[in-house]
Amino acid sequence: MLGLVLWRDADGATAVIWCEDQQELAHWSGRENLVDPNTLPKVGDLVHFRISEDAGIRRAVDLHILAETTVPDLAEKLQTTAAQLAAAPRLARVG
């Protein structure tokens, strides 16, 4: 599966990934779940991984970075878009 890293904690041990299947976000943690344990994912990285379900949580395993920081300001863009959508007038439903 392909995804984009949306968030990573300060020490680099945990990340949240948007998935191409547009289902639940995937959570990554631990160097043991990286193809290259010397390269940690960063916000905006395009990544490839397998999904492993664990207690209803989608876990990213065998994570491989395909392209670094393809969208470095992704989180800010998502926040701005969400704020714009929240402030936009609602369209009336046509039934």
N, C-alpha and C. Protein backbone atom coordinates (compact mmCIF):
# COMPACT_ATOMS: atom_id res chain seq x y z
N MET A 1 0.85 -1.17 0.00
CA MET A 1 0.00 0.00 0.00
C MET A 1 0.89 1.23 0.00
N LEU A 2 0.41 2.29 -0.64
CA LEU A 2 1.10 3.57 -0.63
C LEU A 2 0.45 4.48 0.40
N GLY A 3 1.22 5.41 0.92
CA GLY A 3 0.67 6.37 1.87
C GLY A 3 1.56 7.58 2.01
N LEU A 4 1.02 8.59 2.71
CA LEU A 4 1.77 9.80 3.03
C LEU A 4 1.82 9.94 4.54
N VAL A 5 3.00 10.26 5.04
CA VAL A 5 3.17 10.45 6.48
C VAL A 5 2.55 11.80 6.85
N LEU A 6 1.53 11.75 7.71
CA LEU A 6 0.83 12.97 8.14
C LEU A 6 1.45 13.57 9.39
N TRP A 7 1.95 12.71 10.28
CA TRP A 7 2.47 13.16 11.57
C TRP A 7 3.54 12.19 12.04
N ARG A 8 4.55 12.71 12.72
CA ARG A 8 5.56 11.88 13.35
C ARG A 8 5.94 12.52 14.67
N ASP A 9 6.13 11.69 15.69
CA ASP A 9 6.49 12.26 16.99
C ASP A 9 7.92 12.77 16.96
N ALA A 10 8.28 13.56 17.97
CA ALA A 10 9.57 14.24 18.00
C ALA A 10 10.77 13.30 17.97
N ASP A 11 10.67 12.15 18.62
CA ASP A 11 11.83 11.25 18.64
C ASP A 11 11.85 10.30 17.45
N GLY A 12 10.84 10.38 16.58
CA GLY A 12 10.84 9.61 15.35
C GLY A 12 10.42 8.17 15.50
N ALA A 13 9.86 7.80 16.64
CA ALA A 13 9.53 6.39 16.88
C ALA A 13 8.11 6.02 16.48
N THR A 14 7.26 7.01 16.17
CA THR A 14 5.86 6.75 15.86
C THR A 14 5.41 7.71 14.75
N ALA A 15 4.56 7.21 13.85
CA ALA A 15 4.02 8.05 12.78
C ALA A 15 2.60 7.63 12.48
N VAL A 16 1.85 8.57 11.88
CA VAL A 16 0.50 8.32 11.40
C VAL A 16 0.53 8.53 9.89
N ILE A 17 -0.09 7.58 9.16
CA ILE A 17 0.01 7.57 7.70
C ILE A 17 -1.38 7.55 7.07
N TRP A 18 -1.59 8.45 6.09
CA TRP A 18 -2.79 8.40 5.27
C TRP A 18 -2.56 7.32 4.23
N CYS A 19 -3.56 6.48 4.00
CA CYS A 19 -3.43 5.32 3.11
C CYS A 19 -4.15 5.55 1.79
N GLU A 20 -3.58 5.02 0.73
CA GLU A 20 -4.17 5.19 -0.60
C GLU A 20 -5.58 4.62 -0.71
N ASP A 21 -5.93 3.64 0.12
CA ASP A 21 -7.28 3.07 0.05
C ASP A 21 -8.32 3.95 0.74
N GLN A 22 -7.87 5.06 1.33
CA GLN A 22 -8.70 6.06 1.98
C GLN A 22 -9.58 5.47 3.09
N GLN A 23 -9.08 4.41 3.71
CA GLN A 23 -9.77 3.84 4.86
C GLN A 23 -9.13 4.44 6.11
N GLU A 24 -9.17 3.74 7.21
CA GLU A 24 -8.58 4.25 8.45
C GLU A 24 -7.09 4.55 8.26
N LEU A 25 -6.59 5.53 9.00
CA LEU A 25 -5.17 5.85 8.97
C LEU A 25 -4.37 4.66 9.51
N ALA A 26 -3.12 4.57 9.09
CA ALA A 26 -2.24 3.51 9.59
C ALA A 26 -1.27 4.11 10.60
N HIS A 27 -0.92 3.33 11.58
CA HIS A 27 0.03 3.75 12.61
C HIS A 27 1.31 2.96 12.42
N TRP A 28 2.44 3.65 12.46
CA TRP A 28 3.74 2.99 12.36
C TRP A 28 4.50 3.26 13.64
N SER A 29 5.21 2.28 14.12
CA SER A 29 6.12 2.49 15.25
C SER A 29 7.21 1.43 15.21
N GLY A 30 8.40 1.83 15.58
CA GLY A 30 9.51 0.91 15.73
C GLY A 30 10.33 0.66 14.48
N ARG A 31 11.64 0.76 14.65
CA ARG A 31 12.57 0.52 13.54
C ARG A 31 12.44 -0.89 12.98
N GLU A 32 11.98 -1.83 13.81
CA GLU A 32 11.83 -3.21 13.33
C GLU A 32 10.77 -3.31 12.24
N ASN A 33 9.94 -2.28 12.08
CA ASN A 33 8.91 -2.26 11.05
C ASN A 33 9.32 -1.45 9.83
N LEU A 34 10.62 -1.15 9.71
CA LEU A 34 11.17 -0.44 8.56
C LEU A 34 11.97 -1.40 7.69
N VAL A 35 11.93 -1.21 6.38
CA VAL A 35 12.79 -1.98 5.49
C VAL A 35 14.25 -1.57 5.74
N ASP A 36 14.49 -0.26 5.87
CA ASP A 36 15.82 0.27 6.18
C ASP A 36 15.75 0.92 7.56
N PRO A 37 16.20 0.23 8.61
CA PRO A 37 16.08 0.78 9.97
C PRO A 37 16.92 2.02 10.23
N ASN A 38 17.75 2.43 9.27
CA ASN A 38 18.57 3.62 9.44
C ASN A 38 17.89 4.88 8.90
N THR A 39 16.73 4.73 8.27
CA THR A 39 16.03 5.87 7.69
C THR A 39 14.62 5.96 8.27
N LEU A 40 14.39 6.97 9.10
CA LEU A 40 13.08 7.17 9.72
C LEU A 40 12.17 7.99 8.82
N PRO A 41 10.87 7.66 8.79
CA PRO A 41 9.94 8.46 7.99
C PRO A 41 9.75 9.85 8.59
N LYS A 42 9.48 10.82 7.69
CA LYS A 42 9.23 12.20 8.10
C LYS A 42 7.88 12.64 7.53
N VAL A 43 7.32 13.68 8.09
CA VAL A 43 6.07 14.24 7.58
C VAL A 43 6.25 14.60 6.11
N GLY A 44 5.30 14.17 5.30
CA GLY A 44 5.35 14.46 3.87
C GLY A 44 6.00 13.38 3.03
N ASP A 45 6.61 12.38 3.66
CA ASP A 45 7.24 11.29 2.90
C ASP A 45 6.18 10.42 2.24
N LEU A 46 6.46 10.01 1.02
CA LEU A 46 5.66 9.01 0.33
C LEU A 46 6.24 7.66 0.70
N VAL A 47 5.41 6.77 1.23
CA VAL A 47 5.90 5.50 1.75
C VAL A 47 5.10 4.32 1.16
N HIS A 48 5.74 3.17 1.18
CA HIS A 48 5.10 1.91 0.78
C HIS A 48 5.19 0.99 2.00
N PHE A 49 4.12 0.22 2.27
CA PHE A 49 4.09 -0.63 3.46
C PHE A 49 3.02 -1.69 3.31
N ARG A 50 3.04 -2.64 4.20
CA ARG A 50 1.97 -3.63 4.34
C ARG A 50 1.12 -3.24 5.54
N ILE A 51 -0.15 -3.60 5.49
CA ILE A 51 -1.05 -3.34 6.61
C ILE A 51 -1.18 -4.61 7.45
N SER A 52 -1.07 -4.43 8.74
CA SER A 52 -1.31 -5.51 9.70
C SER A 52 -2.34 -5.01 10.69
N GLU A 53 -3.45 -5.74 10.83
CA GLU A 53 -4.50 -5.36 11.78
C GLU A 53 -4.13 -5.87 13.17
N ASP A 54 -4.24 -5.00 14.17
CA ASP A 54 -3.93 -5.37 15.55
C ASP A 54 -4.93 -4.70 16.47
N ALA A 55 -5.85 -5.49 17.01
CA ALA A 55 -6.88 -4.99 17.93
C ALA A 55 -7.66 -3.83 17.31
N GLY A 56 -7.98 -3.97 16.01
CA GLY A 56 -8.77 -2.95 15.33
C GLY A 56 -7.97 -1.75 14.86
N ILE A 57 -6.67 -1.78 15.02
CA ILE A 57 -5.80 -0.68 14.58
C ILE A 57 -4.99 -1.14 13.39
N ARG A 58 -4.96 -0.31 12.36
CA ARG A 58 -4.14 -0.63 11.18
C ARG A 58 -2.70 -0.24 11.46
N ARG A 59 -1.82 -1.20 11.38
CA ARG A 59 -0.39 -0.98 11.62
C ARG A 59 0.36 -1.06 10.31
N ALA A 60 1.28 -0.12 10.09
CA ALA A 60 2.14 -0.15 8.91
C ALA A 60 3.39 -0.95 9.26
N VAL A 61 3.65 -2.00 8.48
CA VAL A 61 4.84 -2.83 8.68
C VAL A 61 5.60 -2.91 7.37
N ASP A 62 6.87 -3.26 7.46
CA ASP A 62 7.76 -3.32 6.29
C ASP A 62 7.71 -1.99 5.53
N LEU A 63 7.74 -0.89 6.27
CA LEU A 63 7.64 0.44 5.69
C LEU A 63 8.92 0.80 4.94
N HIS A 64 8.73 1.32 3.74
CA HIS A 64 9.85 1.73 2.88
C HIS A 64 9.56 3.12 2.36
N ILE A 65 10.52 4.03 2.49
CA ILE A 65 10.34 5.40 2.01
C ILE A 65 10.64 5.44 0.52
N LEU A 66 9.64 5.86 -0.27
CA LEU A 66 9.81 5.95 -1.72
C LEU A 66 10.34 7.31 -2.14
N ALA A 67 9.83 8.36 -1.51
CA ALA A 67 10.26 9.73 -1.83
C ALA A 67 10.17 10.55 -0.56
N GLU A 68 11.25 11.26 -0.25
CA GLU A 68 11.28 12.04 0.98
C GLU A 68 10.60 13.40 0.81
N THR A 69 9.91 13.79 1.84
CA THR A 69 9.22 15.09 1.97
C THR A 69 8.62 15.59 0.66
N THR A 70 7.79 14.76 0.06
CA THR A 70 7.10 15.17 -1.16
C THR A 70 6.10 16.28 -0.88
N VAL A 71 5.55 16.30 0.33
CA VAL A 71 4.59 17.33 0.73
C VAL A 71 4.94 17.75 2.16
N PRO A 72 6.00 18.57 2.34
CA PRO A 72 6.46 18.89 3.69
C PRO A 72 5.45 19.68 4.52
N ASP A 73 4.57 20.42 3.88
CA ASP A 73 3.58 21.22 4.62
C ASP A 73 2.20 20.58 4.58
N LEU A 74 2.15 19.27 4.46
CA LEU A 74 0.89 18.54 4.33
C LEU A 74 -0.06 18.82 5.49
N ALA A 75 0.43 18.74 6.72
CA ALA A 75 -0.43 18.94 7.89
C ALA A 75 -1.06 20.33 7.87
N GLU A 76 -0.27 21.35 7.53
CA GLU A 76 -0.80 22.71 7.49
C GLU A 76 -1.86 22.86 6.40
N LYS A 77 -1.61 22.23 5.24
CA LYS A 77 -2.59 22.30 4.15
C LYS A 77 -3.90 21.63 4.54
N LEU A 78 -3.82 20.50 5.22
CA LEU A 78 -5.03 19.81 5.66
C LEU A 78 -5.80 20.64 6.69
N GLN A 79 -5.08 21.27 7.62
CA GLN A 79 -5.73 22.10 8.62
C GLN A 79 -6.42 23.31 7.98
N THR A 80 -5.75 23.94 7.03
CA THR A 80 -6.32 25.09 6.33
C THR A 80 -7.57 24.69 5.56
N THR A 81 -7.50 23.58 4.85
CA THR A 81 -8.65 23.11 4.08
C THR A 81 -9.81 22.76 4.99
N ALA A 82 -9.53 22.10 6.11
CA ALA A 82 -10.59 21.75 7.06
C ALA A 82 -11.25 23.00 7.61
N ALA A 83 -10.46 24.02 7.93
CA ALA A 83 -11.02 25.27 8.45
C ALA A 83 -11.88 25.96 7.39
N GLN A 84 -11.42 25.94 6.14
CA GLN A 84 -12.19 26.55 5.06
C GLN A 84 -13.52 25.83 4.85
N LEU A 85 -13.47 24.51 4.90
CA LEU A 85 -14.70 23.73 4.72
C LEU A 85 -15.67 23.96 5.88
N ALA A 86 -15.15 24.08 7.08
CA ALA A 86 -16.00 24.32 8.25
C ALA A 86 -16.66 25.70 8.17
N ALA A 87 -15.97 26.67 7.60
CA ALA A 87 -16.49 28.03 7.52
C ALA A 87 -17.39 28.25 6.31
N ALA A 88 -17.33 27.35 5.33
CA ALA A 88 -18.13 27.53 4.10
C ALA A 88 -19.60 27.29 4.40
N PRO A 89 -20.47 28.04 3.73
CA PRO A 89 -21.90 27.82 3.93
C PRO A 89 -22.27 26.42 3.41
N ARG A 90 -23.20 25.80 4.11
CA ARG A 90 -23.66 24.48 3.73
C ARG A 90 -24.58 24.58 2.51
N LEU A 91 -24.43 23.69 1.59
CA LEU A 91 -25.31 23.64 0.42
C LEU A 91 -26.59 22.92 0.81
N ALA A 92 -27.70 23.43 0.34
CA ALA A 92 -28.99 22.78 0.62
C ALA A 92 -29.05 21.47 -0.14
N ARG A 93 -29.60 20.47 0.51
CA ARG A 93 -29.77 19.17 -0.15
C ARG A 93 -30.93 19.25 -1.13
N VAL A 94 -30.68 18.71 -2.28
CA VAL A 94 -31.73 18.62 -3.29
C VAL A 94 -32.28 17.20 -3.20
N GLY A 95 -33.54 17.06 -2.95
CA GLY A 95 -34.05 15.73 -2.71
C GLY A 95 -35.02 15.32 -3.69
